[in-house]
C-alpha cells in the first residue's frame, strides 16, 4: 500500500510538471503565414504570406481520392 501511495504522489508530480508553462509563448511574435519548417519559424520567414482558402471536397472527390474532407487552396505563386 505504501508503494502505491508513493507511486500515486510521483505520478501526480509528473502531471503537474507537465502542465506548467515553462516556455513563454507570449514572447513569440510571428508574421502571419504558413510555416513549413522549424528554420522558417526561427527566421520568422513564412513560406506563404498570402491568404489561403480552406475548401470542402465534393462528395465524388472525397470518394475517389480517399483523402480528407477538406483541402487548402494556395494562391498562384
PDB file of N, CA and C in Angstrom:
ATOM      1  N   UNK A   1       0.815  -1.197   0.000  1.00  0.00           N
ATOM      2  CA  UNK A   1       0.000   0.000   0.000  1.00  0.00           C
ATOM      3  C   UNK A   1       0.860   1.264   0.000  1.00  0.00           C
ATOM      4  N   UNK A   2       1.965   1.207   0.727  1.00  0.00           N
ATOM      5  CA  UNK A   2       2.861   2.363   0.788  1.00  0.00           C
ATOM      6  C   UNK A   2       3.465   2.647  -0.585  1.00  0.00           C
ATOM      7  N   UNK A   3       3.810   1.594  -1.318  1.00  0.00           N
ATOM      8  CA  UNK A   3       4.381   1.773  -2.647  1.00  0.00           C
ATOM      9  C   UNK A   3       3.355   2.394  -3.605  1.00  0.00           C
ATOM     10  N   UNK A   4       2.116   2.011  -3.434  1.00  0.00           N
ATOM     11  CA  UNK A   4       1.061   2.563  -4.273  1.00  0.00           C
ATOM     12  C   UNK A   4       0.872   4.056  -4.010  1.00  0.00           C
ATOM     13  N   UNK A   5       0.941   4.461  -2.759  1.00  0.00           N
ATOM     14  CA  UNK A   5       0.807   5.885  -2.410  1.00  0.00           C
ATOM     15  C   UNK A   5       1.998   6.670  -2.957  1.00  0.00           C
ATOM     16  N   UNK A   6       3.198   6.125  -2.847  1.00  0.00           N
ATOM     17  CA  UNK A   6       4.390   6.797  -3.387  1.00  0.00           C
ATOM     18  C   UNK A   6       4.282   6.926  -4.897  1.00  0.00           C
ATOM     19  N   UNK A   7       3.826   5.865  -5.548  1.00  0.00           N
ATOM     20  CA  UNK A   7       3.659   5.898  -6.999  1.00  0.00           C
ATOM     21  C   UNK A   7       2.617   6.936  -7.402  1.00  0.00           C
ATOM     22  N   UNK A   8       1.525   7.013  -6.662  1.00  0.00           N
ATOM     23  CA  UNK A   8       0.492   8.000  -6.942  1.00  0.00           C
ATOM     24  C   UNK A   8       1.028   9.425  -6.783  1.00  0.00           C
ATOM     25  N   UNK A   9       1.780   9.674  -5.711  1.00  0.00           N
ATOM     26  CA  UNK A   9       2.353  11.013  -5.487  1.00  0.00           C
ATOM     27  C   UNK A   9       3.350  11.379  -6.583  1.00  0.00           C
ATOM     28  N   UNK A  10       4.168  10.437  -6.996  1.00  0.00           N
ATOM     29  CA  UNK A  10       5.133  10.676  -8.067  1.00  0.00           C
ATOM     30  C   UNK A  10       4.413  10.983  -9.374  1.00  0.00           C
ATOM     31  N   UNK A  11       3.391  10.201  -9.668  1.00  0.00           N
ATOM     32  CA  UNK A  11       2.620  10.414 -10.889  1.00  0.00           C
ATOM     33  C   UNK A  11       1.939  11.777 -10.856  1.00  0.00           C
ATOM     34  N   UNK A  12       1.416  12.167  -9.707  1.00  0.00           N
ATOM     35  CA  UNK A  12       0.778  13.470  -9.551  1.00  0.00           C
ATOM     36  C   UNK A  12       1.774  14.607  -9.790  1.00  0.00           C
ATOM     37  N   UNK A  13       2.978  14.473  -9.287  1.00  0.00           N
ATOM     38  CA  UNK A  13       4.009  15.486  -9.501  1.00  0.00           C
ATOM     39  C   UNK A  13       4.396  15.581 -10.971  1.00  0.00           C
ATOM     40  N   UNK A  14       4.506  14.444 -11.643  1.00  0.00           N
ATOM     41  CA  UNK A  14       4.849  14.450 -13.066  1.00  0.00           C
ATOM     42  C   UNK A  14       3.766  15.140 -13.884  1.00  0.00           C
ATOM     43  N   UNK A  15       2.531  14.908 -13.545  1.00  0.00           N
ATOM     44  CA  UNK A  15       1.435  15.560 -14.268  1.00  0.00           C
ATOM     45  C   UNK A  15       1.467  17.067 -14.039  1.00  0.00           C
ATOM     46  N   UNK A  16       1.705  17.494 -12.813  1.00  0.00           N
ATOM     47  CA  UNK A  16       1.731  18.931 -12.544  1.00  0.00           C
ATOM     48  C   UNK A  16       2.920  19.604 -13.231  1.00  0.00           C
ATOM     49  N   UNK A  17       4.060  18.924 -13.318  1.00  0.00           N
ATOM     50  CA  UNK A  17       5.205  19.491 -14.031  1.00  0.00           C
ATOM     51  C   UNK A  17       4.946  19.565 -15.527  1.00  0.00           C
ATOM     52  N   UNK A  18       4.244  18.591 -16.062  1.00  0.00           N
ATOM     53  CA  UNK A  18       3.948  18.590 -17.495  1.00  0.00           C
ATOM     54  C   UNK A  18       2.985  19.706 -17.869  1.00  0.00           C
ATOM     55  N   UNK A  19       2.152  20.122 -16.937  1.00  0.00           N
ATOM     56  CA  UNK A  19       1.164  21.145 -17.245  1.00  0.00           C
ATOM     57  C   UNK A  19       1.674  22.566 -17.027  1.00  0.00           C
ATOM     58  N   UNK A  20       2.836  22.719 -16.417  1.00  0.00           N
ATOM     59  CA  UNK A  20       3.366  24.067 -16.223  1.00  0.00           C
ATOM     60  C   UNK A  20       3.892  24.604 -17.541  1.00  0.00           C
ATOM     61  N   UNK A  21       3.767  25.887 -17.723  1.00  0.00           N
ATOM     62  CA  UNK A  21       4.203  26.535 -18.957  1.00  0.00           C
ATOM     63  C   UNK A  21       5.628  27.029 -18.757  1.00  0.00           C
ATOM     64  N   UNK A  22       6.597  26.182 -19.097  1.00  0.00           N
ATOM     65  CA  UNK A  22       7.998  26.554 -18.927  1.00  0.00           C
ATOM     66  C   UNK A  22       8.408  27.561 -19.994  1.00  0.00           C
ATOM     67  N   UNK A  23       7.959  27.338 -21.218  1.00  0.00           N
ATOM     68  CA  UNK A  23       8.276  28.242 -22.317  1.00  0.00           C
ATOM     69  C   UNK A  23       7.157  29.273 -22.415  1.00  0.00           C
ATOM     70  N   UNK A  24       7.503  30.525 -22.415  1.00  0.00           N
ATOM     71  CA  UNK A  24       6.506  31.584 -22.511  1.00  0.00           C
ATOM     72  C   UNK A  24       6.244  31.886 -23.980  1.00  0.00           C
ATOM     73  N   UNK A  25       5.074  31.492 -24.469  1.00  0.00           N
ATOM     74  CA  UNK A  25       4.743  31.695 -25.869  1.00  0.00           C
ATOM     75  C   UNK A  25       4.277  33.116 -26.155  1.00  0.00           C
ATOM     76  N   UNK A  26       4.033  33.898 -25.114  1.00  0.00           N
ATOM     77  CA  UNK A  26       3.622  35.275 -25.345  1.00  0.00           C
ATOM     78  C   UNK A  26       4.741  36.078 -26.001  1.00  0.00           C
ATOM     79  N   UNK A  27       5.982  35.685 -25.755  1.00  0.00           N
ATOM     80  CA  UNK A  27       7.105  36.420 -26.327  1.00  0.00           C
ATOM     81  C   UNK A  27       7.380  36.015 -27.778  1.00  0.00           C
ATOM     82  N   UNK A  28       6.732  34.988 -28.253  1.00  0.00           N
ATOM     83  CA  UNK A  28       6.938  34.513 -29.621  1.00  0.00           C
ATOM     84  C   UNK A  28       6.046  35.312 -30.559  1.00  0.00           C
ATOM     85  N   UNK A  29       6.641  36.188 -31.328  1.00  0.00           N
ATOM     86  CA  UNK A  29       5.895  37.017 -32.276  1.00  0.00           C
ATOM     87  C   UNK A  29       6.237  36.562 -33.687  1.00  0.00           C
ATOM     88  N   UNK A  30       5.243  36.058 -34.394  1.00  0.00           N
ATOM     89  CA  UNK A  30       5.448  35.573 -35.756  1.00  0.00           C
ATOM     90  C   UNK A  30       4.582  36.357 -36.730  1.00  0.00           C
ATOM     91  N   UNK A  31       5.090  36.467 -37.960  1.00  0.00           N
ATOM     92  CA  UNK A  31       4.295  37.066 -39.023  1.00  0.00           C
ATOM     93  C   UNK A  31       3.185  36.093 -39.396  1.00  0.00           C
ATOM     94  N   UNK A  32       2.084  36.645 -39.898  1.00  0.00           N
ATOM     95  CA  UNK A  32       1.010  35.778 -40.373  1.00  0.00           C
ATOM     96  C   UNK A  32       1.483  35.042 -41.617  1.00  0.00           C
ATOM     97  N   UNK A  33       1.175  33.777 -41.695  1.00  0.00           N
ATOM     98  CA  UNK A  33       1.550  32.991 -42.852  1.00  0.00           C
ATOM     99  C   UNK A  33       1.587  31.518 -42.510  1.00  0.00           C
ATOM    100  N   UNK A  34       2.092  30.743 -43.460  1.00  0.00           N
ATOM    101  CA  UNK A  34       2.198  29.295 -43.285  1.00  0.00           C
ATOM    102  C   UNK A  34       3.668  28.940 -43.226  1.00  0.00           C
ATOM    103  N   UNK A  35       4.050  28.257 -42.158  1.00  0.00           N
ATOM    104  CA  UNK A  35       5.433  27.846 -41.932  1.00  0.00           C
ATOM    105  C   UNK A  35       5.542  26.343 -42.165  1.00  0.00           C
ATOM    106  N   UNK A  36       6.517  25.934 -42.986  1.00  0.00           N
ATOM    107  CA  UNK A  36       6.691  24.520 -43.287  1.00  0.00           C
ATOM    108  C   UNK A  36       7.875  23.894 -42.570  1.00  0.00           C
ATOM    109  N   UNK A  37       8.698  24.676 -41.911  1.00  0.00           N
ATOM    110  CA  UNK A  37       9.851  24.103 -41.214  1.00  0.00           C
ATOM    111  C   UNK A  37      10.160  24.919 -39.959  1.00  0.00           C
ATOM    112  N   UNK A  38      10.924  24.312 -39.084  1.00  0.00           N
ATOM    113  CA  UNK A  38      11.333  24.990 -37.861  1.00  0.00           C
ATOM    114  C   UNK A  38      12.286  26.139 -38.163  1.00  0.00           C
ATOM    115  N   UNK A  39      13.099  25.995 -39.220  1.00  0.00           N
ATOM    116  CA  UNK A  39      14.002  27.085 -39.623  1.00  0.00           C
ATOM    117  C   UNK A  39      13.217  28.337 -40.025  1.00  0.00           C
ATOM    118  N   UNK A  40      12.094  28.138 -40.697  1.00  0.00           N
ATOM    119  CA  UNK A  40      11.265  29.285 -41.076  1.00  0.00           C
ATOM    120  C   UNK A  40      10.708  29.984 -39.843  1.00  0.00           C
ATOM    121  N   UNK A  41      10.377  29.221 -38.821  1.00  0.00           N
ATOM    122  CA  UNK A  41       9.890  29.819 -37.570  1.00  0.00           C
ATOM    123  C   UNK A  41      11.012  30.592 -36.892  1.00  0.00           C
ATOM    124  N   UNK A  42      12.210  30.007 -36.846  1.00  0.00           N
ATOM    125  CA  UNK A  42      13.348  30.693 -36.230  1.00  0.00           C
ATOM    126  C   UNK A  42      13.693  31.987 -36.950  1.00  0.00           C
ATOM    127  N   UNK A  43      13.629  31.974 -38.283  1.00  0.00           N
ATOM    128  CA  UNK A  43      13.981  33.154 -39.077  1.00  0.00           C
ATOM    129  C   UNK A  43      12.797  34.098 -39.277  1.00  0.00           C
ATOM    130  N   UNK A  44      11.609  33.688 -38.835  1.00  0.00           N
ATOM    131  CA  UNK A  44      10.390  34.474 -38.989  1.00  0.00           C
ATOM    132  C   UNK A  44      10.109  34.792 -40.454  1.00  0.00           C
ATOM    133  N   UNK A  45      10.290  33.774 -41.301  1.00  0.00           N
ATOM    134  CA  UNK A  45      10.030  33.920 -42.734  1.00  0.00           C
ATOM    135  C   UNK A  45       9.078  32.824 -43.183  1.00  0.00           C
ATOM    136  N   UNK A  46       7.785  33.097 -43.206  1.00  0.00           N
ATOM    137  CA  UNK A  46       6.833  32.064 -43.625  1.00  0.00           C
ATOM    138  C   UNK A  46       6.932  31.767 -45.110  1.00  0.00           C
ATOM    139  N   UNK A  47       6.589  30.544 -45.494  1.00  0.00           N
ATOM    140  CA  UNK A  47       6.605  30.153 -46.901  1.00  0.00           C
ATOM    141  C   UNK A  47       5.546  30.898 -47.689  1.00  0.00           C
ATOM    142  N   UNK A  48       4.354  31.011 -47.129  1.00  0.00           N
ATOM    143  CA  UNK A  48       3.261  31.713 -47.789  1.00  0.00           C
ATOM    144  C   UNK A  48       2.739  32.790 -46.850  1.00  0.00           C
ATOM    145  N   UNK A  49       2.614  33.995 -47.385  1.00  0.00           N
ATOM    146  CA  UNK A  49       2.057  35.085 -46.587  1.00  0.00           C
ATOM    147  C   UNK A  49       0.707  35.532 -47.132  1.00  0.00           C
ATOM    148  N   UNK A  50       0.357  35.055 -48.307  1.00  0.00           N
ATOM    149  CA  UNK A  50      -0.951  35.383 -48.872  1.00  0.00           C
ATOM    150  C   UNK A  50      -2.029  34.603 -48.134  1.00  0.00           C
ATOM    151  N   UNK A  51      -3.234  34.981 -48.378  1.00  0.00           N
ATOM    152  CA  UNK A  51      -4.331  34.261 -47.734  1.00  0.00           C
ATOM    153  C   UNK A  51      -4.534  32.918 -48.439  1.00  0.00           C
ATOM    154  N   UNK A  52      -4.985  31.959 -47.683  1.00  0.00           N
ATOM    155  CA  UNK A  52      -5.299  30.650 -48.241  1.00  0.00           C
ATOM    156  C   UNK A  52      -6.789  30.415 -48.057  1.00  0.00           C
ATOM    157  N   UNK A  53      -7.292  29.481 -48.811  1.00  0.00           N
ATOM    158  CA  UNK A  53      -8.702  29.141 -48.701  1.00  0.00           C
ATOM    159  C   UNK A  53      -8.817  27.691 -48.257  1.00  0.00           C
ATOM    160  N   UNK A  54      -9.690  27.461 -47.310  1.00  0.00           N
ATOM    161  CA  UNK A  54      -9.987  26.092 -46.883  1.00  0.00           C
ATOM    162  C   UNK A  54     -11.270  25.700 -47.584  1.00  0.00           C
ATOM    163  N   UNK A  55     -11.178  24.669 -48.407  1.00  0.00           N
ATOM    164  CA  UNK A  55     -12.337  24.266 -49.196  1.00  0.00           C
ATOM    165  C   UNK A  55     -12.742  22.853 -48.822  1.00  0.00           C
ATOM    166  N   UNK A  56     -14.025  22.602 -48.987  1.00  0.00           N
ATOM    167  CA  UNK A  56     -14.550  21.266 -48.712  1.00  0.00           C
ATOM    168  C   UNK A  56     -14.613  20.493 -50.024  1.00  0.00           C
ATOM    169  N   UNK A  57     -14.184  19.246 -49.975  1.00  0.00           N
ATOM    170  CA  UNK A  57     -14.236  18.411 -51.178  1.00  0.00           C
ATOM    171  C   UNK A  57     -15.685  18.036 -51.487  1.00  0.00           C
ATOM    172  N   UNK A  58     -15.940  17.908 -52.784  1.00  0.00           N
ATOM    173  CA  UNK A  58     -17.259  17.413 -53.178  1.00  0.00           C
ATOM    174  C   UNK A  58     -17.318  15.920 -52.881  1.00  0.00           C
ATOM    175  N   UNK A  59     -18.501  15.403 -52.837  1.00  0.00           N
ATOM    176  CA  UNK A  59     -18.680  14.004 -52.444  1.00  0.00           C
ATOM    177  C   UNK A  59     -17.948  13.050 -53.392  1.00  0.00           C
ATOM    178  N   UNK A  60     -17.954  13.350 -54.692  1.00  0.00           N
ATOM    179  CA  UNK A  60     -17.251  12.495 -55.659  1.00  0.00           C
ATOM    180  C   UNK A  60     -15.744  12.531 -55.426  1.00  0.00           C
ATOM    181  N   UNK A  61     -15.202  13.728 -55.210  1.00  0.00           N
ATOM    182  CA  UNK A  61     -13.761  13.860 -54.963  1.00  0.00           C
ATOM    183  C   UNK A  61     -13.364  13.106 -53.700  1.00  0.00           C
ATOM    184  N   UNK A  62     -14.193  13.201 -52.696  1.00  0.00           N
ATOM    185  CA  UNK A  62     -13.899  12.555 -51.416  1.00  0.00           C
ATOM    186  C   UNK A  62     -13.870  11.043 -51.580  1.00  0.00           C
ATOM    187  N   UNK A  63     -14.802  10.493 -52.343  1.00  0.00           N
ATOM    188  CA  UNK A  63     -14.857   9.050 -52.533  1.00  0.00           C
ATOM    189  C   UNK A  63     -13.743   8.557 -53.452  1.00  0.00           C
ATOM    190  N   UNK A  64     -13.425   9.314 -54.503  1.00  0.00           N
ATOM    191  CA  UNK A  64     -12.447   8.860 -55.481  1.00  0.00           C
ATOM    192  C   UNK A  64     -11.022   8.924 -54.946  1.00  0.00           C
ATOM    193  N   UNK A  65     -10.675   9.984 -54.254  1.00  0.00           N
ATOM    194  CA  UNK A  65      -9.290  10.145 -53.828  1.00  0.00           C
ATOM    195  C   UNK A  65      -9.009   9.473 -52.501  1.00  0.00           C
ATOM    196  N   UNK A  66     -10.032   9.314 -51.658  1.00  0.00           N
ATOM    197  CA  UNK A  66      -9.817   8.709 -50.354  1.00  0.00           C
ATOM    198  C   UNK A  66      -9.109   9.635 -49.380  1.00  0.00           C
ATOM    199  N   UNK A  67      -9.056  10.903 -49.693  1.00  0.00           N
ATOM    200  CA  UNK A  67      -8.392  11.880 -48.817  1.00  0.00           C
ATOM    201  C   UNK A  67      -9.402  12.480 -47.855  1.00  0.00           C
ATOM    202  N   UNK A  68      -8.956  13.467 -47.095  1.00  0.00           N
ATOM    203  CA  UNK A  68      -9.815  14.115 -46.121  1.00  0.00           C
ATOM    204  C   UNK A  68     -10.916  14.933 -46.760  1.00  0.00           C
ATOM    205  N   UNK A  69     -11.825  15.401 -45.953  1.00  0.00           N
ATOM    206  CA  UNK A  69     -12.979  16.139 -46.439  1.00  0.00           C
ATOM    207  C   UNK A  69     -12.630  17.583 -46.809  1.00  0.00           C
ATOM    208  N   UNK A  70     -11.500  18.084 -46.327  1.00  0.00           N
ATOM    209  CA  UNK A  70     -11.110  19.466 -46.597  1.00  0.00           C
ATOM    210  C   UNK A  70      -9.726  19.524 -47.222  1.00  0.00           C
ATOM    211  N   UNK A  71      -9.446  20.583 -47.951  1.00  0.00           N
ATOM    212  CA  UNK A  71      -8.118  20.805 -48.512  1.00  0.00           C
ATOM    213  C   UNK A  71      -7.811  22.288 -48.537  1.00  0.00           C
ATOM    214  N   UNK A  72      -6.534  22.602 -48.630  1.00  0.00           N
ATOM    215  CA  UNK A  72      -6.084  24.004 -48.673  1.00  0.00           C
ATOM    216  C   UNK A  72      -5.825  24.410 -50.110  1.00  0.00           C
ATOM    217  N   UNK A  73      -6.300  25.567 -50.472  1.00  0.00           N
ATOM    218  CA  UNK A  73      -6.041  26.096 -51.806  1.00  0.00           C
ATOM    219  C   UNK A  73      -5.123  27.301 -51.679  1.00  0.00           C
ATOM    220  N   UNK A  74      -3.923  27.191 -52.229  1.00  0.00           N
ATOM    221  CA  UNK A  74      -2.944  28.259 -52.167  1.00  0.00           C
ATOM    222  C   UNK A  74      -3.066  29.161 -53.389  1.00  0.00           C
ATOM    223  N   UNK A  75      -2.742  30.435 -53.235  1.00  0.00           N
ATOM    224  CA  UNK A  75      -2.753  31.323 -54.400  1.00  0.00           C
ATOM    225  C   UNK A  75      -1.604  30.959 -55.342  1.00  0.00           C
ATOM    226  N   UNK A  76      -1.734  31.386 -56.576  1.00  0.00           N
ATOM    227  CA  UNK A  76      -0.672  31.109 -57.539  1.00  0.00           C
ATOM    228  C   UNK A  76       0.586  31.893 -57.177  1.00  0.00           C
ATOM    229  N   UNK A  77       1.711  31.248 -57.317  1.00  0.00           N
ATOM    230  CA  UNK A  77       2.990  31.899 -56.981  1.00  0.00           C
ATOM    231  C   UNK A  77       3.571  32.544 -58.212  1.00  0.00           C
TER     232      UNK A  77
END
